[in-house]
Amino acid sequence: MSLKIKLIILFLVASFIPFAIVGLLLYLDNPKILGELVYFGGLLIIFVVFLGLSLAQIVIDPIENLIRATRAVKGKNLSARVPVTSHDETGELTIAFNEMMNELEQTDKTKTEFITLASHNLRTPLSTIGWHLETLLEDKKLTSKEAEYIKQAYGASQRMVELVNALLEASHLELGTFIVKLEPVDIAGLINGVLEDLKPKMQQKSIKIVTELNLKRKTVRLDKRIFRIILQNLLDNALKYTPEKGQVTLSVDEQSEDILIKVTDTGYGIPQAEQSRIFNKLYRATNIQEKEVSGLGLGLYTVKAMVDRTKGKIWFESQENQGTTFYVRLPSHAKS
């Protein structure tokens, strides 16, 4: 039962009991006034309900606004604010809530700006280290032990570059500096490029990738960078969370003015109880944490944010220990 209904019932009880007592006394003194008592009793009920609704709205609406804003904060919306509609205790609570949200939003913005700055300054030296290590690996004079050490260092530097890039992408999205730029995109060519980049991971785990393309146009008007990041993250996750000798299927289907991306794996799957949190930043499912699989929990968060930025849609189907299928629908905006 809502608080509004409870208040109205309280008003009715508080008003009707005295009327009933007085009415009973009057009726005992003069039974002929029963009709008048019923009439005035009805008027009293209507008045009390109207008054109760008005007062309940004054008291409850600010509280409901606070509840909605709190839920928005839970959904990572730190811009939620509540209008101040009174100067009583409820108004003071609203002002305190808004002040708290201002501080939280500023703290989050400062944190994101710091991550952006740190990541940007780290990317160049890490890329330089990776380039030098790659050059060293080409030296034929290295012993097998030396080559193995350099290979391990190179792999670690590449993972650091991937981490920095993921942090930069996430921070740009949060700061609102990630701009959507539409251009004609050769989807087939872009997919081939992404698959070529992921080839070492495919070969390392002996995972087979099947591609199914149903494209009506050679080029489609999209944001090339966003499309590539979405594709790379979904495929990288599928490879990462699929055991050796598994299979990943990539399907890209042009439907009317939309592009439907579908990535299916035969991997570990997502536990049913955790599926509602899978797009949260830094979240990793518990069944993955138990395995030796690297990751930060930024990939799907970034994909979801980019899909939202393009006014697209993302959803998935998953069964633990059987695999997962991610679907992304992106608007292609116009014919190319």
Protein backbone atom coordinates (compact mmCIF):
# COMPACT_ATOMS: atom_id res chain seq x y z
CA MET A 1 0.00 0.00 0.00
CA SER A 2 1.42 3.39 -1.00
CA LEU A 3 2.10 6.15 1.52
CA LYS A 4 -0.49 8.40 -0.17
CA ILE A 5 -3.30 5.88 0.42
CA LYS A 6 -2.15 5.39 4.01
CA LEU A 7 -2.34 9.15 4.64
CA ILE A 8 -5.83 9.39 3.13
CA ILE A 9 -7.05 6.49 5.28
CA LEU A 10 -5.50 8.17 8.33
CA PHE A 11 -7.34 11.43 7.51
CA LEU A 12 -10.59 9.53 7.03
CA VAL A 13 -10.29 7.70 10.34
CA ALA A 14 -9.18 10.80 12.25
CA SER A 15 -12.08 12.87 10.85
CA PHE A 16 -14.85 10.26 10.76
CA ILE A 17 -14.52 8.89 14.30
CA PRO A 18 -15.44 12.22 16.01
CA PHE A 19 -18.26 12.73 13.48
CA ALA A 20 -19.55 9.20 14.12
CA ILE A 21 -19.55 9.74 17.91
CA VAL A 22 -21.35 13.10 17.67
CA GLY A 23 -23.74 11.74 15.05
CA LEU A 24 -24.60 8.73 17.24
CA LEU A 25 -25.37 11.00 20.19
CA LEU A 26 -27.58 13.24 18.02
CA TYR A 27 -29.35 10.22 16.51
CA LEU A 28 -30.11 8.81 19.97
CA ASP A 29 -31.55 12.17 20.95
CA ASN A 30 -33.52 12.57 17.68
CA PRO A 31 -33.77 9.53 15.33
CA LYS A 32 -35.48 11.65 12.62
CA ILE A 33 -32.18 13.30 11.63
CA LEU A 34 -30.66 10.05 10.31
CA GLY A 35 -30.99 11.21 6.68
CA GLU A 36 -29.23 14.49 7.40
CA LEU A 37 -26.44 12.66 9.23
CA VAL A 38 -25.86 10.33 6.27
CA TYR A 39 -25.85 13.29 3.87
CA PHE A 40 -23.34 15.29 5.91
CA GLY A 41 -21.29 12.14 6.47
CA GLY A 42 -20.98 11.67 2.70
CA LEU A 43 -19.96 15.30 2.24
CA LEU A 44 -17.38 14.87 5.00
CA ILE A 45 -15.88 11.80 3.31
CA ILE A 46 -15.58 13.63 -0.04
CA PHE A 47 -13.99 16.66 1.65
CA VAL A 48 -11.55 14.56 3.68
CA VAL A 49 -10.50 12.51 0.60
CA PHE A 50 -9.91 15.71 -1.40
CA LEU A 51 -7.99 17.32 1.47
CA GLY A 52 -6.02 14.12 2.04
CA LEU A 53 -5.03 13.91 -1.64
CA SER A 54 -3.87 17.53 -1.66
CA LEU A 55 -1.85 17.19 1.53
CA ALA A 56 -0.44 13.82 0.48
CA GLN A 57 0.70 15.33 -2.81
CA ILE A 58 2.44 18.17 -1.00
CA VAL A 59 4.17 15.75 1.39
CA ILE A 60 4.84 12.72 -0.83
CA ASP A 61 5.76 14.23 -4.25
CA PRO A 62 9.14 15.63 -3.08
CA ILE A 63 9.95 12.25 -1.51
CA GLU A 64 9.02 10.44 -4.74
CA ASN A 65 11.26 12.86 -6.68
CA LEU A 66 14.12 11.99 -4.34
CA ILE A 67 13.45 8.27 -4.83
CA ARG A 68 13.52 8.65 -8.64
CA ALA A 69 16.75 10.67 -8.47
CA THR A 70 18.34 8.07 -6.17
CA ARG A 71 17.44 5.32 -8.63
CA ALA A 72 18.97 7.38 -11.43
CA VAL A 73 22.20 7.63 -9.41
CA LYS A 74 22.12 3.85 -8.96
CA GLY A 75 21.97 3.65 -12.76
CA LYS A 76 25.21 5.74 -12.92
CA ASN A 77 23.42 9.01 -13.80
CA LEU A 78 25.24 11.54 -11.62
CA SER A 79 23.49 14.49 -13.30
CA ALA A 80 20.19 13.71 -11.52
CA ARG A 81 18.85 16.64 -9.51
CA VAL A 82 15.57 17.25 -7.65
CA PRO A 83 13.68 20.58 -7.87
CA VAL A 84 13.23 22.34 -4.51
CA THR A 85 9.48 22.92 -4.05
CA SER A 86 9.30 23.90 -0.36
CA HIS A 87 11.28 25.55 2.42
CA ASP A 88 10.49 23.00 5.14
CA GLU A 89 12.46 19.92 6.24
CA THR A 90 11.72 18.15 2.92
CA GLY A 91 13.11 21.15 1.04
CA GLU A 92 16.26 21.09 3.18
CA LEU A 93 16.66 17.38 2.46
CA THR A 94 16.31 18.07 -1.27
CA ILE A 95 18.93 20.85 -1.14
CA ALA A 96 21.31 18.53 0.76
CA PHE A 97 20.76 15.79 -1.86
CA ASN A 98 21.48 18.19 -4.75
CA GLU A 99 24.63 19.48 -3.03
CA MET A 100 25.82 15.90 -2.50
CA MET A 101 25.19 15.12 -6.20
CA ASN A 102 27.16 18.23 -7.26
CA GLU A 103 30.14 17.02 -5.23
CA LEU A 104 29.84 13.44 -6.54
CA GLU A 105 29.62 14.61 -10.15
CA GLN A 106 32.64 16.89 -9.75
CA THR A 107 34.65 14.11 -8.06
CA ASP A 108 33.75 11.67 -10.82
CA LYS A 109 34.69 14.22 -13.49
CA THR A 110 38.04 14.93 -11.79
CA LYS A 111 38.74 11.19 -11.57
CA THR A 112 37.91 10.69 -15.25
CA GLU A 113 40.07 13.65 -16.30
CA PHE A 114 42.98 12.24 -14.29
CA ILE A 115 42.58 8.81 -15.91
CA THR A 116 42.49 10.45 -19.34
CA LEU A 117 45.64 12.46 -18.67
CA ALA A 118 47.53 9.53 -17.13
CA SER A 119 46.47 7.13 -19.90
CA HIS A 120 47.40 9.59 -22.63
CA ASN A 121 50.88 10.13 -21.12
CA LEU A 122 51.38 6.37 -20.73
CA ARG A 123 50.36 5.37 -24.24
CA THR A 124 53.35 6.88 -26.09
CA PRO A 125 56.14 5.36 -23.92
CA LEU A 126 54.35 2.00 -23.85
CA SER A 127 54.07 1.99 -27.64
CA THR A 128 57.77 2.87 -27.89
CA ILE A 129 58.70 0.02 -25.52
CA GLY A 130 56.56 -2.39 -27.56
CA TRP A 131 58.21 -1.27 -30.81
CA HIS A 132 61.72 -1.76 -29.40
CA LEU A 133 60.85 -5.19 -28.01
CA GLU A 134 59.36 -6.22 -31.35
CA THR A 135 62.55 -5.10 -33.08
CA LEU A 136 64.66 -7.11 -30.61
CA LEU A 137 62.59 -10.22 -31.33
CA GLU A 138 63.71 -10.06 -34.95
CA ASP A 139 67.36 -10.40 -33.90
CA LYS A 140 68.55 -13.84 -35.05
CA LYS A 141 71.46 -13.81 -32.56
CA LEU A 142 69.17 -14.16 -29.52
CA THR A 143 69.30 -17.39 -27.56
CA SER A 144 66.01 -19.22 -27.10
CA LYS A 145 65.91 -18.13 -23.43
CA GLU A 146 66.52 -14.48 -24.31
CA ALA A 147 63.87 -14.61 -27.03
CA GLU A 148 61.36 -16.09 -24.57
CA TYR A 149 62.01 -13.32 -22.00
CA ILE A 150 61.63 -10.60 -24.64
CA LYS A 151 58.47 -12.27 -25.97
CA GLN A 152 56.95 -12.26 -22.47
CA ALA A 153 57.91 -8.59 -21.99
CA TYR A 154 56.42 -7.74 -25.40
CA GLY A 155 53.15 -9.52 -24.49
CA ALA A 156 52.99 -7.62 -21.19
CA SER A 157 53.57 -4.28 -22.96
CA GLN A 158 50.81 -5.05 -25.47
CA ARG A 159 48.39 -5.85 -22.64
CA MET A 160 49.29 -2.54 -21.02
CA VAL A 161 48.62 -0.71 -24.30
CA GLU A 162 45.21 -2.43 -24.54
CA LEU A 163 44.46 -1.41 -20.94
CA VAL A 164 45.44 2.23 -21.58
CA ASN A 165 43.34 2.34 -24.77
CA ALA A 166 40.32 0.90 -22.92
CA LEU A 167 40.71 3.48 -20.13
CA LEU A 168 40.99 6.30 -22.67
CA GLU A 169 37.90 5.16 -24.56
CA ALA A 170 35.87 4.87 -21.33
CA SER A 171 37.02 8.28 -20.04
CA HIS A 172 36.28 10.01 -23.37
CA LEU A 173 32.76 8.58 -23.26
CA GLU A 174 32.22 9.72 -19.67
CA LEU A 175 33.54 13.22 -20.38
CA GLY A 176 31.34 13.48 -23.48
CA THR A 177 34.34 14.15 -25.74
CA PHE A 178 33.75 11.10 -27.93
CA ILE A 179 32.19 12.54 -31.09
CA VAL A 180 30.21 10.45 -33.57
CA LYS A 181 31.56 10.97 -37.10
CA LEU A 182 29.54 9.43 -39.93
CA GLU A 183 31.26 8.31 -43.14
CA PRO A 184 30.91 5.57 -45.77
CA VAL A 185 32.42 2.40 -44.29
CA ASP A 186 33.53 -0.73 -46.13
CA ILE A 187 32.21 -3.19 -43.53
CA ALA A 188 33.69 -6.30 -45.14
CA GLY A 189 37.13 -4.70 -45.32
CA LEU A 190 36.91 -3.42 -41.74
CA ILE A 191 35.91 -6.89 -40.48
CA ASN A 192 38.88 -8.45 -42.28
CA GLY A 193 41.17 -5.93 -40.59
CA VAL A 194 39.77 -6.69 -37.11
CA LEU A 195 40.07 -10.46 -37.68
CA GLU A 196 43.67 -10.01 -38.83
CA ASP A 197 44.47 -8.12 -35.60
CA LEU A 198 42.92 -10.92 -33.53
CA LYS A 199 44.60 -13.73 -35.48
CA PRO A 200 47.35 -14.37 -32.87
CA LYS A 201 44.70 -14.89 -30.14
CA MET A 202 42.74 -17.22 -32.41
CA GLN A 203 45.83 -19.29 -33.19
CA GLN A 204 46.99 -19.35 -29.57
CA LYS A 205 43.77 -21.07 -28.43
CA SER A 206 43.03 -22.90 -31.70
CA ILE A 207 39.63 -21.18 -31.90
CA LYS A 208 37.78 -21.21 -35.20
CA ILE A 209 36.03 -18.00 -36.31
CA VAL A 210 33.13 -18.34 -38.76
CA THR A 211 31.94 -15.18 -40.56
CA GLU A 212 28.51 -14.75 -42.12
CA LEU A 213 28.00 -11.49 -44.03
CA ASN A 214 24.73 -10.43 -45.60
CA LEU A 215 25.43 -6.95 -46.98
CA LYS A 216 23.42 -5.25 -49.73
CA ARG A 217 25.77 -2.29 -50.19
CA LYS A 218 29.54 -2.11 -50.51
CA THR A 219 29.70 0.80 -48.07
CA VAL A 220 27.37 1.79 -45.24
CA ARG A 221 27.22 5.20 -43.54
CA LEU A 222 28.45 4.64 -39.97
CA ASP A 223 31.04 5.85 -37.50
CA LYS A 224 34.03 3.74 -38.54
CA ARG A 225 35.85 4.04 -35.21
CA ILE A 226 32.81 3.10 -33.14
CA PHE A 227 31.98 0.16 -35.40
CA ARG A 228 35.55 -1.13 -35.15
CA ILE A 229 35.71 -0.75 -31.34
CA ILE A 230 32.35 -2.53 -30.91
CA LEU A 231 33.40 -5.36 -33.20
CA GLN A 232 36.87 -5.71 -31.68
CA ASN A 233 35.58 -5.74 -28.09
CA LEU A 234 32.84 -8.30 -28.77
CA LEU A 235 35.17 -10.61 -30.69
CA ASP A 236 38.00 -10.16 -28.18
CA ASN A 237 35.62 -11.07 -25.32
CA ALA A 238 34.35 -14.09 -27.24
CA LEU A 239 37.92 -15.32 -27.81
CA LYS A 240 38.94 -14.55 -24.25
CA TYR A 241 36.03 -16.39 -22.62
CA THR A 242 35.92 -19.40 -24.95
CA PRO A 243 38.03 -22.46 -24.05
CA GLU A 244 40.62 -23.84 -26.44
CA LYS A 245 39.38 -25.39 -29.70
CA GLY A 246 36.04 -23.62 -29.36
CA GLN A 247 34.20 -21.63 -32.03
CA VAL A 248 33.16 -18.02 -32.47
CA THR A 249 30.63 -17.01 -35.12
CA LEU A 250 30.40 -13.44 -36.40
CA SER A 251 27.29 -12.49 -38.36
CA VAL A 252 26.70 -9.04 -39.87
CA ASP A 253 23.33 -8.53 -41.52
CA GLU A 254 22.09 -5.40 -43.29
CA GLN A 255 18.40 -4.93 -42.44
CA SER A 256 16.58 -1.99 -44.00
CA GLU A 257 18.53 1.02 -42.66
CA ASP A 258 20.09 -0.89 -39.76
CA ILE A 259 23.13 -3.13 -39.35
CA LEU A 260 22.71 -6.15 -37.06
CA ILE A 261 25.91 -7.56 -35.56
CA LYS A 262 25.72 -10.98 -33.92
CA VAL A 263 28.66 -12.60 -32.09
CA THR A 264 28.15 -16.15 -30.78
CA ASP A 265 30.69 -18.15 -28.80
CA THR A 266 30.89 -21.62 -27.23
CA GLY A 267 32.40 -20.23 -24.05
CA TYR A 268 31.80 -20.11 -20.32
CA GLY A 269 28.52 -18.16 -20.50
CA ILE A 270 27.17 -15.64 -17.98
CA PRO A 271 25.45 -16.79 -14.75
CA GLN A 272 21.73 -16.00 -14.82
CA ALA A 273 21.86 -14.08 -11.51
CA GLU A 274 24.58 -11.75 -12.81
CA GLN A 275 23.28 -10.94 -16.29
CA SER A 276 21.67 -7.64 -15.26
CA ARG A 277 25.10 -6.28 -14.22
CA ILE A 278 27.15 -7.40 -17.19
CA PHE A 279 27.31 -3.88 -18.75
CA ASN A 280 28.42 -2.21 -15.50
CA LYS A 281 31.85 -0.63 -15.51
CA LEU A 282 34.62 -2.87 -14.10
CA TYR A 283 32.20 -5.76 -13.58
CA ARG A 284 33.36 -9.31 -14.27
CA ALA A 285 31.19 -12.38 -13.76
CA THR A 286 32.16 -14.65 -10.86
CA ASN A 287 32.58 -17.73 -13.05
CA ILE A 288 35.26 -15.84 -15.01
CA GLN A 289 37.10 -14.60 -11.92
CA GLU A 290 37.73 -18.24 -10.96
CA LYS A 291 39.58 -18.84 -14.24
CA GLU A 292 42.94 -17.49 -15.39
CA VAL A 293 41.47 -14.98 -17.82
CA SER A 294 42.79 -11.42 -17.90
CA GLY A 295 40.41 -8.47 -18.15
CA LEU A 296 39.22 -5.31 -16.46
CA GLY A 297 35.49 -5.32 -17.11
CA LEU A 298 35.64 -2.26 -19.39
CA GLY A 299 34.94 -3.89 -22.77
CA LEU A 300 31.19 -4.39 -22.55
CA TYR A 301 30.77 -1.13 -20.63
CA THR A 302 32.47 0.70 -23.51
CA VAL A 303 30.46 -1.18 -26.15
CA LYS A 304 27.16 -0.36 -24.39
CA ALA A 305 28.10 3.33 -24.06
CA MET A 306 29.03 3.56 -27.75
CA VAL A 307 25.89 1.76 -28.88
CA ASP A 308 23.82 4.18 -26.79
CA ARG A 309 25.73 7.12 -28.26
CA THR A 310 24.73 6.04 -31.78
CA LYS A 311 21.10 5.45 -30.64
CA GLY A 312 21.49 1.75 -31.31
CA LYS A 313 20.56 -1.25 -29.19
CA ILE A 314 22.51 -4.08 -27.56
CA TRP A 315 21.24 -7.26 -25.91
CA PHE A 316 22.41 -10.82 -25.33
CA GLU A 317 21.41 -14.40 -24.64
CA SER A 318 23.57 -16.62 -22.47
CA GLN A 319 23.63 -19.95 -20.66
CA GLU A 320 26.41 -20.81 -18.27
CA ASN A 321 28.89 -23.37 -19.66
CA GLN A 322 27.13 -23.29 -23.05
CA GLY A 323 28.02 -19.93 -24.53
CA THR A 324 26.80 -16.41 -25.21
CA THR A 325 25.37 -14.50 -28.14
CA PHE A 326 25.61 -10.70 -28.25
CA TYR A 327 23.40 -8.69 -30.62
CA VAL A 328 24.07 -5.08 -31.64
CA ARG A 329 21.73 -3.10 -33.86
CA LEU A 330 23.24 0.10 -35.29
CA PRO A 331 21.39 2.63 -37.44
CA SER A 332 23.18 3.23 -40.74
CA HIS A 333 21.58 6.73 -40.99
CA ALA A 334 21.46 7.04 -44.76
CA LYS A 335 22.07 5.16 -47.96
CA SER A 336 25.61 5.23 -49.27
